[in-house]
Amino acid sequence: MKVYVNDESITLADASTISQLLKQLNTSPKGIAIAIGPNIIPSNLWNEYKLEADDEVLLIRATQGG
């Protein structure tokens, strides 16, 4: 199936979870926030939350700076 991560098309296996998406993207879950459409998904649900075709995923990474 195809989902969109920060407006970029990504192909995943059907019924993939957010954790599986992060693994495929080789992205550490530390300092990350995930929203699907307008909904922020708590990190304790990432192993269970199943993505659906055409989901729009917003991946936000915390950064330091000043």
N, C-alpha and C. Protein backbone atom coordinates (compact mmCIF):
# COMPACT_ATOMS: atom_id res chain seq x y z
N MET A 1 0.85 -1.18 0.00
CA MET A 1 0.00 0.00 0.00
C MET A 1 0.88 1.23 0.00
N LYS A 2 0.30 2.34 -0.35
CA LYS A 2 1.03 3.60 -0.44
C LYS A 2 0.51 4.56 0.64
N VAL A 3 1.44 5.17 1.38
CA VAL A 3 1.11 6.24 2.31
C VAL A 3 2.00 7.43 1.98
N TYR A 4 1.70 8.55 2.56
CA TYR A 4 2.47 9.76 2.30
C TYR A 4 3.09 10.25 3.61
N VAL A 5 4.40 10.33 3.64
CA VAL A 5 5.13 10.79 4.82
C VAL A 5 5.74 12.14 4.48
N ASN A 6 5.25 13.17 5.17
CA ASN A 6 5.71 14.53 4.88
C ASN A 6 5.63 14.81 3.38
N ASP A 7 4.51 14.42 2.78
CA ASP A 7 4.18 14.64 1.37
C ASP A 7 5.00 13.78 0.40
N GLU A 8 5.76 12.82 0.90
CA GLU A 8 6.53 11.91 0.04
C GLU A 8 5.86 10.54 0.04
N SER A 9 5.64 9.99 -1.14
CA SER A 9 5.01 8.68 -1.27
C SER A 9 5.94 7.57 -0.81
N ILE A 10 5.42 6.68 0.07
CA ILE A 10 6.16 5.54 0.59
C ILE A 10 5.31 4.30 0.39
N THR A 11 5.92 3.22 -0.07
CA THR A 11 5.20 1.95 -0.23
C THR A 11 5.50 1.05 0.95
N LEU A 12 4.43 0.54 1.58
CA LEU A 12 4.53 -0.33 2.75
C LEU A 12 3.72 -1.60 2.52
N ALA A 13 4.00 -2.62 3.31
CA ALA A 13 3.15 -3.81 3.32
C ALA A 13 1.80 -3.42 3.90
N ASP A 14 0.74 -4.09 3.45
CA ASP A 14 -0.60 -3.83 3.99
C ASP A 14 -0.60 -4.03 5.50
N ALA A 15 -1.40 -3.23 6.20
CA ALA A 15 -1.57 -3.30 7.65
C ALA A 15 -0.28 -3.04 8.42
N SER A 16 0.62 -2.25 7.87
CA SER A 16 1.84 -1.88 8.58
C SER A 16 1.50 -0.94 9.73
N THR A 17 2.31 -1.00 10.78
CA THR A 17 2.14 -0.11 11.93
C THR A 17 3.07 1.09 11.79
N ILE A 18 2.87 2.06 12.66
CA ILE A 18 3.76 3.22 12.67
C ILE A 18 5.18 2.78 12.99
N SER A 19 5.34 1.86 13.93
CA SER A 19 6.68 1.35 14.27
C SER A 19 7.35 0.72 13.07
N GLN A 20 6.60 -0.04 12.28
CA GLN A 20 7.16 -0.66 11.08
C GLN A 20 7.55 0.40 10.06
N LEU A 21 6.75 1.44 9.94
CA LEU A 21 7.09 2.55 9.04
C LEU A 21 8.41 3.19 9.46
N LEU A 22 8.56 3.49 10.75
CA LEU A 22 9.80 4.10 11.23
C LEU A 22 11.00 3.20 10.96
N LYS A 23 10.81 1.91 11.15
CA LYS A 23 11.90 0.96 10.89
C LYS A 23 12.27 0.98 9.41
N GLN A 24 11.26 0.97 8.53
CA GLN A 24 11.53 1.01 7.09
C GLN A 24 12.25 2.29 6.70
N LEU A 25 11.91 3.39 7.36
CA LEU A 25 12.55 4.67 7.08
C LEU A 25 13.90 4.81 7.78
N ASN A 26 14.27 3.78 8.56
CA ASN A 26 15.53 3.80 9.32
C ASN A 26 15.59 5.04 10.22
N THR A 27 14.47 5.29 10.91
CA THR A 27 14.31 6.46 11.76
C THR A 27 14.11 6.03 13.21
N SER A 28 14.94 6.54 14.09
CA SER A 28 14.80 6.26 15.52
C SER A 28 13.53 6.93 16.05
N PRO A 29 12.79 6.26 16.93
CA PRO A 29 11.58 6.87 17.48
C PRO A 29 11.85 7.96 18.52
N LYS A 30 13.11 8.11 18.94
CA LYS A 30 13.43 9.14 19.94
C LYS A 30 13.25 10.53 19.34
N GLY A 31 12.54 11.38 20.08
CA GLY A 31 12.36 12.76 19.66
C GLY A 31 11.44 12.94 18.47
N ILE A 32 10.58 11.95 18.22
CA ILE A 32 9.68 11.98 17.06
C ILE A 32 8.23 12.16 17.53
N ALA A 33 7.46 12.92 16.79
CA ALA A 33 6.01 12.99 16.96
C ALA A 33 5.40 12.59 15.62
N ILE A 34 4.28 11.88 15.68
CA ILE A 34 3.60 11.40 14.48
C ILE A 34 2.15 11.85 14.50
N ALA A 35 1.70 12.40 13.38
CA ALA A 35 0.29 12.72 13.20
C ALA A 35 -0.19 12.00 11.94
N ILE A 36 -1.39 11.46 12.01
CA ILE A 36 -2.05 10.86 10.85
C ILE A 36 -3.24 11.77 10.56
N GLY A 37 -3.19 12.44 9.42
CA GLY A 37 -4.20 13.46 9.16
C GLY A 37 -4.11 14.50 10.28
N PRO A 38 -5.24 14.88 10.90
CA PRO A 38 -5.20 15.89 11.96
C PRO A 38 -4.94 15.31 13.36
N ASN A 39 -4.76 13.99 13.47
CA ASN A 39 -4.67 13.34 14.78
C ASN A 39 -3.24 12.98 15.16
N ILE A 40 -2.79 13.46 16.31
CA ILE A 40 -1.49 13.06 16.84
C ILE A 40 -1.66 11.68 17.47
N ILE A 41 -0.76 10.76 17.13
CA ILE A 41 -0.83 9.39 17.63
C ILE A 41 0.20 9.25 18.75
N PRO A 42 -0.24 8.94 19.98
CA PRO A 42 0.71 8.77 21.09
C PRO A 42 1.69 7.63 20.81
N SER A 43 2.93 7.82 21.23
CA SER A 43 3.97 6.83 20.93
C SER A 43 3.68 5.46 21.53
N ASN A 44 2.91 5.39 22.61
CA ASN A 44 2.58 4.08 23.18
C ASN A 44 1.63 3.28 22.29
N LEU A 45 1.08 3.88 21.25
CA LEU A 45 0.19 3.18 20.31
C LEU A 45 0.88 2.83 18.99
N TRP A 46 2.12 3.23 18.79
CA TRP A 46 2.79 3.05 17.51
C TRP A 46 2.94 1.59 17.11
N ASN A 47 3.06 0.68 18.08
CA ASN A 47 3.17 -0.75 17.75
C ASN A 47 1.85 -1.35 17.33
N GLU A 48 0.74 -0.69 17.67
CA GLU A 48 -0.59 -1.21 17.39
C GLU A 48 -1.32 -0.49 16.26
N TYR A 49 -1.03 0.79 16.08
CA TYR A 49 -1.77 1.61 15.12
C TYR A 49 -1.47 1.16 13.70
N LYS A 50 -2.49 0.66 13.01
CA LYS A 50 -2.33 0.19 11.64
C LYS A 50 -2.58 1.34 10.66
N LEU A 51 -1.62 1.55 9.79
CA LEU A 51 -1.77 2.55 8.74
C LEU A 51 -2.69 2.02 7.66
N GLU A 52 -3.36 2.93 6.97
CA GLU A 52 -4.24 2.58 5.86
C GLU A 52 -3.72 3.23 4.59
N ALA A 53 -4.10 2.65 3.47
CA ALA A 53 -3.68 3.19 2.17
C ALA A 53 -4.05 4.67 2.09
N ASP A 54 -3.15 5.45 1.55
CA ASP A 54 -3.31 6.88 1.33
C ASP A 54 -3.32 7.73 2.60
N ASP A 55 -2.95 7.13 3.75
CA ASP A 55 -2.82 7.94 4.96
C ASP A 55 -1.78 9.02 4.73
N GLU A 56 -2.03 10.19 5.30
CA GLU A 56 -1.06 11.28 5.26
C GLU A 56 -0.41 11.37 6.62
N VAL A 57 0.86 11.01 6.67
CA VAL A 57 1.63 10.94 7.91
C VAL A 57 2.52 12.16 8.00
N LEU A 58 2.44 12.85 9.12
CA LEU A 58 3.34 13.97 9.39
C LEU A 58 4.32 13.49 10.45
N LEU A 59 5.59 13.46 10.10
CA LEU A 59 6.66 13.03 11.00
C LEU A 59 7.44 14.28 11.40
N ILE A 60 7.44 14.56 12.70
CA ILE A 60 8.11 15.75 13.21
C ILE A 60 9.24 15.31 14.12
N ARG A 61 10.42 15.85 13.90
CA ARG A 61 11.59 15.52 14.71
C ARG A 61 11.96 16.75 15.55
N ALA A 62 12.10 16.53 16.87
CA ALA A 62 12.55 17.59 17.76
C ALA A 62 14.02 17.88 17.49
N THR A 63 14.38 19.15 17.50
CA THR A 63 15.77 19.54 17.31
C THR A 63 16.17 20.52 18.40
N GLN A 64 17.44 20.63 18.62
CA GLN A 64 17.95 21.59 19.58
C GLN A 64 18.56 22.76 18.82
N GLY A 65 18.55 23.87 19.45
CA GLY A 65 19.14 25.04 18.82
C GLY A 65 18.76 26.28 19.59
N GLY A 66 19.27 27.37 19.15
CA GLY A 66 18.94 28.57 19.89
C GLY A 66 19.12 29.80 19.11
